[in-house]
Amino acid sequence: MPRGRVHELRYLIEIPIPYVDKHGRKLDDRKRSNWRRELGALLTDSFGGFTPGKAPALNRVQAADGRWVTLSEKGQVVLRSACADRDAFLQHRDRLVDLVVRMGEDLNQADVFILAYPSDSLLIEVHEQMP
C-alpha cells in the first residue's frame, strides 16, 4: 500500500518553449524566460502546477524549398502538466492555444506545439514522517 495520497492524472500536457527561431537563430534568453513564466502561470492556474524539463535537442523541419533541415535546440525546454482526463484539458484548451500562438508569433516560429495525450501518470502527496 503506497504511503501518501495518490491522484491519478490520466492526461499529460507538454508545451515546448523554442530555443531557436524559424531561421535557426538562437532566441533571446529573457524572451524565452518570460514565456516560460507566463505559460507556467497558465498551466498552474489551469491544472495546479507544471514541471519544466529538457526537451529533445534536435528537430527535423522542412524548409520552404522542400528540403529537410535538422535544427539543434540543445537549450529547448518543455513544460509538463497533467490533469484528470481529456475533458479537463478541453476546458482550458482555448486559453492554452491563444497563449501558445502568441508565443509563436513573439518568438518568430513557423509552428508551435501543445502536446496532449492519455497517460498513466500519478501525483503522490508525500506525508512527512513524525520523529
N, C-alpha and C. Protein backbone atom coordinates (compact mmCIF):
# COMPACT_ATOMS: atom_id res chain seq x y z
N MET A 1 0.85 -1.17 0.00
CA MET A 1 0.00 0.00 0.00
C MET A 1 0.90 1.24 0.00
N PRO A 2 0.69 2.17 -0.96
CA PRO A 2 1.55 3.35 -1.02
C PRO A 2 1.31 4.27 0.18
N ARG A 3 2.43 4.85 0.64
CA ARG A 3 2.31 5.88 1.67
C ARG A 3 2.06 7.19 0.96
N GLY A 4 1.16 7.98 1.47
CA GLY A 4 0.83 9.24 0.84
C GLY A 4 -0.46 9.13 0.04
N ARG A 5 -0.96 10.25 -0.36
CA ARG A 5 -2.22 10.30 -1.12
C ARG A 5 -1.91 10.27 -2.61
N VAL A 6 -2.55 9.38 -3.34
CA VAL A 6 -2.29 9.18 -4.77
C VAL A 6 -3.42 9.78 -5.60
N HIS A 7 -3.04 10.59 -6.60
CA HIS A 7 -4.00 11.16 -7.54
C HIS A 7 -3.66 10.63 -8.93
N GLU A 8 -4.63 10.04 -9.60
CA GLU A 8 -4.40 9.57 -10.97
C GLU A 8 -4.59 10.74 -11.92
N LEU A 9 -3.61 10.95 -12.74
CA LEU A 9 -3.65 12.02 -13.74
C LEU A 9 -3.62 11.36 -15.11
N ARG A 10 -4.75 11.28 -15.74
CA ARG A 10 -4.90 10.48 -16.96
C ARG A 10 -4.62 11.23 -18.26
N TYR A 11 -4.23 12.49 -18.16
CA TYR A 11 -3.97 13.27 -19.38
C TYR A 11 -2.74 14.13 -19.14
N LEU A 12 -1.75 14.02 -20.02
CA LEU A 12 -0.50 14.75 -19.90
C LEU A 12 -0.46 15.87 -20.94
N ILE A 13 0.02 17.03 -20.53
CA ILE A 13 0.12 18.19 -21.42
C ILE A 13 1.58 18.63 -21.43
N GLU A 14 2.14 18.86 -22.63
CA GLU A 14 3.51 19.33 -22.77
C GLU A 14 3.54 20.50 -23.75
N ILE A 15 4.27 21.54 -23.37
CA ILE A 15 4.43 22.70 -24.24
C ILE A 15 5.92 23.00 -24.36
N PRO A 16 6.51 22.74 -25.54
CA PRO A 16 7.93 23.09 -25.74
C PRO A 16 8.09 24.60 -25.91
N ILE A 17 9.13 25.14 -25.30
CA ILE A 17 9.49 26.54 -25.49
C ILE A 17 10.71 26.54 -26.40
N PRO A 18 10.57 27.10 -27.59
CA PRO A 18 11.66 27.04 -28.57
C PRO A 18 12.95 27.68 -28.09
N TYR A 19 14.05 27.23 -28.66
CA TYR A 19 15.38 27.76 -28.39
C TYR A 19 15.90 28.58 -29.57
N VAL A 20 15.41 28.27 -30.77
CA VAL A 20 15.80 28.99 -31.98
C VAL A 20 14.54 29.46 -32.71
N ASP A 21 14.70 30.48 -33.56
CA ASP A 21 13.57 30.93 -34.36
C ASP A 21 13.44 30.08 -35.62
N LYS A 22 12.50 30.43 -36.48
CA LYS A 22 12.25 29.60 -37.67
C LYS A 22 13.40 29.62 -38.68
N HIS A 23 14.38 30.49 -38.46
CA HIS A 23 15.56 30.54 -39.33
C HIS A 23 16.78 29.90 -38.67
N GLY A 24 16.59 29.32 -37.48
CA GLY A 24 17.68 28.64 -36.78
C GLY A 24 18.52 29.55 -35.91
N ARG A 25 18.10 30.80 -35.72
CA ARG A 25 18.86 31.74 -34.88
C ARG A 25 18.44 31.59 -33.42
N LYS A 26 19.43 31.60 -32.53
CA LYS A 26 19.17 31.48 -31.10
C LYS A 26 18.28 32.64 -30.65
N LEU A 27 17.29 32.30 -29.81
CA LEU A 27 16.37 33.30 -29.29
C LEU A 27 16.94 33.98 -28.04
N ASP A 28 16.47 35.17 -27.77
CA ASP A 28 16.86 35.93 -26.59
C ASP A 28 16.41 35.19 -25.33
N ASP A 29 17.35 34.98 -24.40
CA ASP A 29 17.06 34.23 -23.17
C ASP A 29 15.98 34.89 -22.33
N ARG A 30 15.96 36.22 -22.29
CA ARG A 30 14.92 36.92 -21.50
C ARG A 30 13.53 36.67 -22.05
N LYS A 31 13.41 36.71 -23.38
CA LYS A 31 12.11 36.44 -24.00
C LYS A 31 11.65 35.02 -23.68
N ARG A 32 12.55 34.07 -23.81
CA ARG A 32 12.21 32.68 -23.53
C ARG A 32 11.81 32.52 -22.06
N SER A 33 12.53 33.18 -21.17
CA SER A 33 12.23 33.10 -19.74
C SER A 33 10.86 33.71 -19.44
N ASN A 34 10.54 34.82 -20.09
CA ASN A 34 9.22 35.44 -19.91
C ASN A 34 8.11 34.50 -20.34
N TRP A 35 8.30 33.80 -21.46
CA TRP A 35 7.28 32.86 -21.94
C TRP A 35 7.19 31.65 -21.02
N ARG A 36 8.30 31.22 -20.50
CA ARG A 36 8.28 30.10 -19.53
C ARG A 36 7.45 30.49 -18.31
N ARG A 37 7.66 31.71 -17.84
CA ARG A 37 6.93 32.20 -16.67
C ARG A 37 5.42 32.34 -16.98
N GLU A 38 5.11 32.93 -18.12
CA GLU A 38 3.70 33.14 -18.48
C GLU A 38 2.96 31.83 -18.73
N LEU A 39 3.59 30.92 -19.47
CA LEU A 39 2.97 29.61 -19.70
C LEU A 39 2.88 28.81 -18.41
N GLY A 40 3.89 28.89 -17.58
CA GLY A 40 3.86 28.20 -16.29
C GLY A 40 2.72 28.69 -15.42
N ALA A 41 2.48 30.00 -15.44
CA ALA A 41 1.37 30.55 -14.65
C ALA A 41 0.03 30.03 -15.16
N LEU A 42 -0.12 29.94 -16.49
CA LEU A 42 -1.38 29.43 -17.04
C LEU A 42 -1.56 27.94 -16.73
N LEU A 43 -0.49 27.16 -16.85
CA LEU A 43 -0.58 25.73 -16.51
C LEU A 43 -0.92 25.55 -15.03
N THR A 44 -0.35 26.38 -14.20
CA THR A 44 -0.63 26.30 -12.76
C THR A 44 -2.09 26.67 -12.49
N ASP A 45 -2.55 27.74 -13.11
CA ASP A 45 -3.94 28.17 -12.94
C ASP A 45 -4.91 27.11 -13.46
N SER A 46 -4.56 26.48 -14.58
CA SER A 46 -5.45 25.52 -15.23
C SER A 46 -5.42 24.14 -14.59
N PHE A 47 -4.21 23.66 -14.22
CA PHE A 47 -4.06 22.27 -13.81
C PHE A 47 -3.38 22.09 -12.45
N GLY A 48 -3.06 23.18 -11.78
CA GLY A 48 -2.49 23.08 -10.44
C GLY A 48 -0.98 23.09 -10.36
N GLY A 49 -0.29 23.16 -11.50
CA GLY A 49 1.17 23.20 -11.48
C GLY A 49 1.77 22.73 -12.78
N PHE A 50 3.10 22.73 -12.83
CA PHE A 50 3.83 22.26 -14.00
C PHE A 50 5.24 21.89 -13.57
N THR A 51 5.92 21.15 -14.42
CA THR A 51 7.32 20.80 -14.21
C THR A 51 8.09 21.12 -15.48
N PRO A 52 9.12 21.96 -15.41
CA PRO A 52 9.95 22.20 -16.59
C PRO A 52 10.96 21.07 -16.74
N GLY A 53 11.32 20.77 -17.96
CA GLY A 53 12.33 19.75 -18.22
C GLY A 53 13.03 20.02 -19.54
N LYS A 54 14.12 19.30 -19.74
CA LYS A 54 14.83 19.41 -21.02
C LYS A 54 14.01 18.72 -22.10
N ALA A 55 14.01 19.33 -23.25
CA ALA A 55 13.32 18.77 -24.41
C ALA A 55 14.35 18.11 -25.32
N PRO A 56 13.89 17.24 -26.23
CA PRO A 56 14.84 16.67 -27.19
C PRO A 56 15.59 17.79 -27.91
N ALA A 57 16.86 17.60 -28.15
CA ALA A 57 17.72 18.67 -28.67
C ALA A 57 17.64 18.84 -30.19
N LEU A 58 17.06 17.90 -30.90
CA LEU A 58 17.03 18.01 -32.35
C LEU A 58 15.60 18.02 -32.87
N ASN A 59 15.38 18.89 -33.85
CA ASN A 59 14.10 18.93 -34.56
C ASN A 59 14.39 18.85 -36.04
N ARG A 60 13.62 18.07 -36.74
CA ARG A 60 13.77 17.96 -38.18
C ARG A 60 12.59 18.69 -38.80
N VAL A 61 12.88 19.72 -39.59
CA VAL A 61 11.84 20.55 -40.19
C VAL A 61 12.05 20.66 -41.69
N GLN A 62 10.97 20.94 -42.39
CA GLN A 62 11.06 21.09 -43.84
C GLN A 62 11.18 22.57 -44.17
N ALA A 63 12.19 22.92 -44.95
CA ALA A 63 12.43 24.30 -45.37
C ALA A 63 11.44 24.67 -46.47
N ALA A 64 11.35 25.98 -46.76
CA ALA A 64 10.42 26.47 -47.78
C ALA A 64 10.69 25.86 -49.15
N ASP A 65 11.94 25.50 -49.43
CA ASP A 65 12.28 24.92 -50.73
C ASP A 65 12.02 23.41 -50.78
N GLY A 66 11.51 22.85 -49.70
CA GLY A 66 11.16 21.42 -49.68
C GLY A 66 12.21 20.51 -49.08
N ARG A 67 13.43 20.99 -48.89
CA ARG A 67 14.47 20.13 -48.30
C ARG A 67 14.28 20.06 -46.79
N TRP A 68 14.81 18.98 -46.21
CA TRP A 68 14.71 18.78 -44.76
C TRP A 68 15.95 19.32 -44.08
N VAL A 69 15.74 20.01 -42.96
CA VAL A 69 16.82 20.63 -42.20
C VAL A 69 16.71 20.15 -40.75
N THR A 70 17.85 19.85 -40.15
CA THR A 70 17.88 19.48 -38.73
C THR A 70 18.35 20.69 -37.93
N LEU A 71 17.51 21.11 -36.98
CA LEU A 71 17.84 22.23 -36.10
C LEU A 71 18.24 21.69 -34.74
N SER A 72 19.35 22.17 -34.23
CA SER A 72 19.78 21.80 -32.89
C SER A 72 19.21 22.81 -31.90
N GLU A 73 18.47 22.31 -30.92
CA GLU A 73 17.88 23.18 -29.91
C GLU A 73 18.26 22.66 -28.53
N LYS A 74 19.58 22.58 -28.27
CA LYS A 74 20.05 21.99 -27.02
C LYS A 74 19.52 22.70 -25.78
N GLY A 75 19.11 23.94 -25.89
CA GLY A 75 18.58 24.68 -24.75
C GLY A 75 17.06 24.68 -24.67
N GLN A 76 16.42 23.91 -25.53
CA GLN A 76 14.95 23.90 -25.53
C GLN A 76 14.42 23.30 -24.22
N VAL A 77 13.35 23.90 -23.73
CA VAL A 77 12.70 23.46 -22.50
C VAL A 77 11.27 23.05 -22.84
N VAL A 78 10.76 22.06 -22.11
CA VAL A 78 9.35 21.68 -22.24
C VAL A 78 8.71 21.80 -20.87
N LEU A 79 7.52 22.39 -20.84
CA LEU A 79 6.75 22.50 -19.61
C LEU A 79 5.72 21.37 -19.62
N ARG A 80 5.70 20.59 -18.53
CA ARG A 80 4.78 19.45 -18.43
C ARG A 80 3.79 19.67 -17.32
N SER A 81 2.54 19.32 -17.61
CA SER A 81 1.50 19.37 -16.60
C SER A 81 0.59 18.18 -16.86
N ALA A 82 -0.34 17.95 -15.95
CA ALA A 82 -1.24 16.82 -16.10
C ALA A 82 -2.59 17.17 -15.47
N CYS A 83 -3.61 16.46 -15.92
CA CYS A 83 -4.95 16.68 -15.37
C CYS A 83 -5.70 15.35 -15.36
N ALA A 84 -6.90 15.38 -14.84
CA ALA A 84 -7.67 14.15 -14.61
C ALA A 84 -7.99 13.40 -15.90
N ASP A 85 -8.37 14.12 -16.95
CA ASP A 85 -8.81 13.46 -18.18
C ASP A 85 -8.87 14.46 -19.33
N ARG A 86 -9.25 13.99 -20.49
CA ARG A 86 -9.31 14.84 -21.68
C ARG A 86 -10.30 15.99 -21.51
N ASP A 87 -11.42 15.72 -20.87
CA ASP A 87 -12.41 16.78 -20.66
C ASP A 87 -11.82 17.93 -19.83
N ALA A 88 -11.02 17.59 -18.83
CA ALA A 88 -10.38 18.63 -18.01
C ALA A 88 -9.42 19.45 -18.87
N PHE A 89 -8.70 18.80 -19.78
CA PHE A 89 -7.81 19.52 -20.70
C PHE A 89 -8.63 20.43 -21.62
N LEU A 90 -9.71 19.91 -22.18
CA LEU A 90 -10.50 20.68 -23.14
C LEU A 90 -11.12 21.93 -22.52
N GLN A 91 -11.36 21.92 -21.23
CA GLN A 91 -11.89 23.11 -20.55
C GLN A 91 -10.92 24.28 -20.65
N HIS A 92 -9.64 24.01 -20.77
CA HIS A 92 -8.61 25.05 -20.79
C HIS A 92 -7.90 25.17 -22.14
N ARG A 93 -8.28 24.36 -23.07
CA ARG A 93 -7.58 24.29 -24.36
C ARG A 93 -7.52 25.64 -25.09
N ASP A 94 -8.63 26.36 -25.17
CA ASP A 94 -8.65 27.61 -25.91
C ASP A 94 -7.68 28.64 -25.32
N ARG A 95 -7.63 28.73 -24.00
CA ARG A 95 -6.69 29.66 -23.36
C ARG A 95 -5.25 29.26 -23.66
N LEU A 96 -4.97 27.95 -23.62
CA LEU A 96 -3.63 27.47 -23.94
C LEU A 96 -3.26 27.79 -25.39
N VAL A 97 -4.19 27.53 -26.31
CA VAL A 97 -3.94 27.79 -27.73
C VAL A 97 -3.64 29.27 -27.94
N ASP A 98 -4.46 30.14 -27.36
CA ASP A 98 -4.24 31.58 -27.54
C ASP A 98 -2.85 32.00 -27.08
N LEU A 99 -2.44 31.52 -25.91
CA LEU A 99 -1.15 31.92 -25.36
C LEU A 99 0.01 31.32 -26.16
N VAL A 100 -0.11 30.07 -26.57
CA VAL A 100 0.96 29.42 -27.33
C VAL A 100 1.11 30.06 -28.71
N VAL A 101 0.01 30.46 -29.33
CA VAL A 101 0.09 31.16 -30.62
C VAL A 101 0.79 32.50 -30.43
N ARG A 102 0.46 33.22 -29.36
CA ARG A 102 1.15 34.49 -29.09
C ARG A 102 2.64 34.26 -28.90
N MET A 103 3.01 33.18 -28.19
CA MET A 103 4.42 32.85 -28.01
C MET A 103 5.07 32.61 -29.37
N GLY A 104 4.42 31.83 -30.22
CA GLY A 104 4.97 31.54 -31.54
C GLY A 104 5.20 32.78 -32.37
N GLU A 105 4.26 33.71 -32.31
CA GLU A 105 4.42 34.97 -33.03
C GLU A 105 5.59 35.77 -32.46
N ASP A 106 5.65 35.88 -31.14
CA ASP A 106 6.69 36.67 -30.49
C ASP A 106 8.08 36.08 -30.70
N LEU A 107 8.17 34.74 -30.76
CA LEU A 107 9.47 34.08 -30.92
C LEU A 107 9.77 33.71 -32.37
N ASN A 108 9.00 34.24 -33.31
CA ASN A 108 9.25 34.06 -34.74
C ASN A 108 9.34 32.58 -35.14
N GLN A 109 8.26 31.84 -34.82
CA GLN A 109 8.19 30.41 -35.11
C GLN A 109 7.32 30.13 -36.33
N ALA A 110 7.64 29.09 -37.06
CA ALA A 110 6.77 28.62 -38.14
C ALA A 110 5.64 27.76 -37.56
N ASP A 111 5.94 27.02 -36.49
CA ASP A 111 4.97 26.14 -35.83
C ASP A 111 5.21 26.18 -34.33
N VAL A 112 4.16 25.93 -33.59
CA VAL A 112 4.27 25.75 -32.14
C VAL A 112 3.42 24.54 -31.78
N PHE A 113 3.70 23.94 -30.63
CA PHE A 113 3.02 22.71 -30.25
C PHE A 113 2.39 22.80 -28.87
N ILE A 114 1.27 22.16 -28.75
CA ILE A 114 0.72 21.75 -27.47
C ILE A 114 0.52 20.25 -27.62
N LEU A 115 1.30 19.48 -26.89
CA LEU A 115 1.16 18.03 -26.95
C LEU A 115 0.27 17.61 -25.78
N ALA A 116 -0.80 16.88 -26.07
CA ALA A 116 -1.74 16.45 -25.03
C ALA A 116 -2.18 15.03 -25.37
N TYR A 117 -2.04 14.12 -24.39
CA TYR A 117 -2.32 12.72 -24.69
C TYR A 117 -2.62 11.94 -23.42
N PRO A 118 -3.30 10.80 -23.58
CA PRO A 118 -3.60 9.94 -22.42
C PRO A 118 -2.32 9.48 -21.74
N SER A 119 -2.41 9.28 -20.42
CA SER A 119 -1.24 8.93 -19.63
C SER A 119 -1.68 8.12 -18.40
N ASP A 120 -0.75 7.37 -17.86
CA ASP A 120 -0.98 6.68 -16.60
C ASP A 120 -0.18 7.35 -15.49
N SER A 121 -0.08 8.67 -15.53
CA SER A 121 0.71 9.42 -14.56
C SER A 121 0.02 9.43 -13.20
N LEU A 122 0.85 9.56 -12.16
CA LEU A 122 0.36 9.65 -10.79
C LEU A 122 1.01 10.84 -10.11
N LEU A 123 0.24 11.56 -9.32
CA LEU A 123 0.77 12.57 -8.42
C LEU A 123 0.61 11.99 -7.03
N ILE A 124 1.71 11.90 -6.30
CA ILE A 124 1.67 11.30 -4.96
C ILE A 124 2.07 12.36 -3.95
N GLU A 125 1.13 12.69 -3.08
CA GLU A 125 1.42 13.63 -1.99
C GLU A 125 2.19 12.87 -0.93
N VAL A 126 3.39 13.31 -0.64
CA VAL A 126 4.24 12.63 0.34
C VAL A 126 3.99 13.26 1.71
N HIS A 127 3.63 12.43 2.66
CA HIS A 127 3.39 12.91 4.01
C HIS A 127 4.67 12.82 4.82
N GLU A 128 4.93 13.85 5.61
CA GLU A 128 6.13 13.84 6.46
C GLU A 128 5.96 12.82 7.58
N GLN A 129 7.05 12.16 7.87
CA GLN A 129 7.06 11.20 8.99
C GLN A 129 7.32 11.98 10.29
N MET A 130 6.59 11.66 11.29
CA MET A 130 6.82 12.28 12.60
C MET A 130 7.96 11.55 13.30
N PRO A 131 8.92 12.29 13.88
CA PRO A 131 10.06 11.62 14.55
C PRO A 131 9.64 10.86 15.78
